Amino acid sequence: MSQSYEVSALVALSPQQAFVLAHSLGSDRTTWDTQVVKRMLLREATALGEGAHVFERVRNGRRLILRQDIWLPGQLSSASMVKGPWWLDAYGEGWHFSPVGDETRVTWKITFAHKAPVFAPQLERGVVEALKRELDVRMADFKAASRDVGLMQRLATGELAPDARHRDVVRGRA
């Protein structure tokens, strides 16, 4: 059975700026997202966008490879799991950005299904609670990062952080 959870926040950014922050990679991401240890582009990708693959490792040890399925800058994005932990049958996440006066409402939603159908109801309760806590912390981090003028100026350059591409890290360019 599929489960989902979403969190929202109002931030004093344009939808485009909020979109860029939400999709930051490498040290730009680990600077603000306290739950992320590593988040980088895979293969030959040089920018995020539809079809790009992203590796993410979070503090609790979960590792995912996500594929960007929908990419509408300043509006919404959606990604689905290509590879993940043994206990996840499916995982997806989406971001939605809506202007509200001079601010932007940012909504981050995750959807997942547990792989162990026999124990799914019991296990999913624990997994849902852990994912909820993680997403709540990450949205609070996002909201705080939206007020970091230096980070937002850095992201506005459009340049990837040196450690944002797996190929560059492996080849010693980061």
Protein backbone atom coordinates (compact mmCIF):
# COMPACT_ATOMS: atom_id res chain seq x y z
CA MET A 1 0.00 0.00 0.00
CA SER A 2 1.33 3.39 -0.97
CA GLN A 3 1.82 6.09 1.66
CA SER A 4 2.41 9.81 1.19
CA TYR A 5 3.28 12.85 3.25
CA GLU A 6 3.77 16.48 2.38
CA VAL A 7 5.01 19.63 4.05
CA SER A 8 4.62 23.25 2.98
CA ALA A 9 6.19 26.56 3.88
CA LEU A 10 5.97 30.18 2.78
CA VAL A 11 9.31 31.71 1.82
CA ALA A 12 10.28 35.23 0.79
CA LEU A 13 11.61 34.10 -2.61
CA SER A 14 10.22 34.08 -6.12
CA PRO A 15 9.00 30.67 -7.36
CA GLN A 16 12.09 30.51 -9.62
CA GLN A 17 14.50 31.20 -6.73
CA ALA A 18 12.73 28.64 -4.51
CA PHE A 19 12.93 26.08 -7.33
CA VAL A 20 16.69 26.62 -7.68
CA LEU A 21 17.21 26.23 -3.91
CA ALA A 22 15.09 23.07 -3.78
CA HIS A 23 17.20 21.45 -6.50
CA SER A 24 20.65 22.45 -5.28
CA LEU A 25 23.40 19.83 -5.42
CA GLY A 26 26.78 19.07 -3.86
CA SER A 27 28.04 21.42 -1.17
CA ASP A 28 25.31 23.92 -2.09
CA ARG A 29 22.83 21.30 -0.85
CA THR A 30 24.73 20.02 2.18
CA THR A 31 25.22 23.63 3.30
CA TRP A 32 21.52 23.96 4.09
CA ASP A 33 19.98 20.47 4.17
CA THR A 34 21.18 18.99 7.46
CA GLN A 35 19.82 15.56 6.57
CA VAL A 36 21.77 15.20 3.31
CA VAL A 37 25.33 13.86 3.33
CA LYS A 38 25.69 13.77 -0.46
CA ARG A 39 23.53 14.80 -3.43
CA MET A 40 25.00 14.80 -6.92
CA LEU A 41 24.31 14.29 -10.59
CA LEU A 42 25.18 10.89 -12.04
CA ARG A 43 26.54 9.73 -15.34
CA GLU A 44 27.25 12.45 -17.91
CA ALA A 45 24.56 14.87 -16.68
CA THR A 46 25.79 18.44 -16.43
CA ALA A 47 22.54 19.95 -15.13
CA LEU A 48 19.35 18.87 -13.45
CA GLY A 49 16.38 18.43 -15.73
CA GLU A 50 13.98 15.85 -17.07
CA GLY A 51 15.70 12.47 -17.32
CA ALA A 52 18.69 13.42 -15.12
CA HIS A 53 19.72 10.92 -12.44
CA VAL A 54 20.64 12.11 -8.95
CA PHE A 55 22.30 10.17 -6.15
CA GLU A 56 21.29 11.13 -2.61
CA ARG A 57 22.55 9.79 0.72
CA VAL A 58 20.94 11.03 3.91
CA ARG A 59 22.17 10.93 7.52
CA ASN A 60 20.19 7.81 8.43
CA GLY A 61 22.11 5.89 5.74
CA ARG A 62 19.35 5.70 3.12
CA ARG A 63 20.71 5.89 -0.41
CA LEU A 64 18.59 6.61 -3.45
CA ILE A 65 19.08 7.14 -7.13
CA LEU A 66 16.27 9.34 -8.40
CA ARG A 67 15.29 10.13 -11.99
CA GLN A 68 13.77 13.54 -12.69
CA ASP A 69 10.48 12.78 -14.44
CA ILE A 70 8.89 16.22 -14.62
CA TRP A 71 10.88 19.44 -14.77
CA LEU A 72 9.02 22.76 -14.99
CA PRO A 73 11.33 25.39 -13.44
CA GLY A 74 9.59 27.74 -11.06
CA GLN A 75 6.46 25.56 -11.01
CA LEU A 76 6.99 21.90 -10.17
CA SER A 77 9.24 18.89 -10.41
CA SER A 78 8.83 15.21 -9.80
CA ALA A 79 11.36 12.42 -9.35
CA SER A 80 11.02 8.66 -8.97
CA MET A 81 13.32 6.05 -7.47
CA VAL A 82 15.50 4.10 -9.89
CA LYS A 83 17.37 2.31 -7.11
CA GLY A 84 17.03 2.43 -3.35
CA PRO A 85 17.10 0.48 -0.11
CA TRP A 86 15.86 -3.11 -0.02
CA TRP A 87 12.78 -2.18 2.03
CA LEU A 88 11.39 0.34 -0.48
CA ASP A 89 9.30 -1.00 -3.35
CA ALA A 90 8.67 2.49 -4.75
CA TYR A 91 9.57 6.05 -3.83
CA GLY A 92 8.87 9.38 -5.42
CA GLU A 93 9.04 13.01 -4.47
CA GLY A 94 7.66 16.19 -5.91
CA TRP A 95 8.04 19.91 -5.37
CA HIS A 96 5.35 22.49 -6.13
CA PHE A 97 5.87 26.26 -6.11
CA SER A 98 2.98 28.74 -6.00
CA PRO A 99 3.24 32.54 -5.76
CA VAL A 100 1.41 34.02 -2.80
CA GLY A 101 1.74 37.79 -2.90
CA ASP A 102 5.46 38.59 -2.52
CA GLU A 103 6.19 35.08 -1.23
CA THR A 104 6.12 31.53 -2.56
CA ARG A 105 4.34 28.55 -1.08
CA VAL A 106 6.68 25.58 -1.40
CA THR A 107 5.21 22.09 -1.03
CA TRP A 108 7.40 18.99 -0.87
CA LYS A 109 5.60 15.65 -1.14
CA ILE A 110 6.96 12.14 -0.87
CA THR A 111 5.17 8.93 -1.79
CA PHE A 112 6.45 5.44 -1.07
CA ALA A 113 5.50 1.79 -0.83
CA HIS A 114 7.15 -0.72 1.48
CA LYS A 115 8.47 -3.93 -0.08
CA ALA A 116 7.47 -6.42 2.67
CA PRO A 117 3.73 -6.99 2.09
CA VAL A 118 3.27 -9.41 5.02
CA PHE A 119 4.53 -6.89 7.57
CA ALA A 120 3.74 -3.77 5.56
CA PRO A 121 1.10 -2.25 7.89
CA GLN A 122 3.36 -2.49 10.96
CA LEU A 123 6.56 -1.53 9.16
CA GLU A 124 4.97 1.30 7.19
CA ARG A 125 3.84 3.03 10.40
CA GLY A 126 7.43 3.20 11.59
CA VAL A 127 8.78 4.20 8.19
CA VAL A 128 6.09 6.87 7.72
CA GLU A 129 6.91 8.41 11.10
CA ALA A 130 10.65 8.43 10.34
CA LEU A 131 10.10 9.96 6.88
CA LYS A 132 7.70 12.56 8.32
CA ARG A 133 10.26 13.64 10.93
CA GLU A 134 12.97 13.81 8.27
CA LEU A 135 10.83 15.83 5.84
CA ASP A 136 9.73 18.24 8.60
CA VAL A 137 13.39 18.91 9.47
CA ARG A 138 14.36 19.28 5.84
CA MET A 139 11.57 21.80 5.16
CA ALA A 140 12.64 23.80 8.22
CA ASP A 141 16.18 23.74 6.81
CA PHE A 142 14.83 24.89 3.43
CA LYS A 143 12.97 27.78 5.04
CA ALA A 144 16.11 28.87 6.91
CA ALA A 145 18.22 28.56 3.74
CA SER A 146 15.79 30.80 1.87
CA ARG A 147 16.95 33.63 4.16
CA ASP A 148 20.67 32.98 3.52
CA VAL A 149 21.58 35.85 1.20
CA GLY A 150 25.05 34.48 0.42
CA LEU A 151 23.73 31.05 -0.55
CA MET A 152 20.96 32.53 -2.69
CA GLN A 153 23.49 34.78 -4.48
CA ARG A 154 25.74 31.77 -5.08
CA LEU A 155 22.84 29.73 -6.51
CA ALA A 156 21.77 32.67 -8.72
CA THR A 157 25.04 32.33 -10.67
CA GLY A 158 23.68 29.09 -12.15
CA GLU A 159 27.03 27.36 -11.69
CA LEU A 160 27.15 23.89 -10.19
CA ALA A 161 29.04 23.40 -6.94
CA PRO A 162 32.42 21.69 -7.59
CA ASP A 163 31.16 18.45 -5.99
CA ALA A 164 27.76 18.39 -7.73
CA ARG A 165 28.71 15.84 -10.42
CA HIS A 166 29.75 12.29 -9.59
CA ARG A 167 32.00 12.12 -12.68
CA ASP A 168 33.97 15.17 -11.50
CA VAL A 169 34.39 13.80 -7.97
CA VAL A 170 35.55 10.39 -9.25
CA ARG A 171 38.00 12.00 -11.68
CA GLY A 172 39.40 14.29 -8.98
CA ARG A 173 38.04 17.53 -10.44
CA ALA A 174 36.03 18.48 -7.34
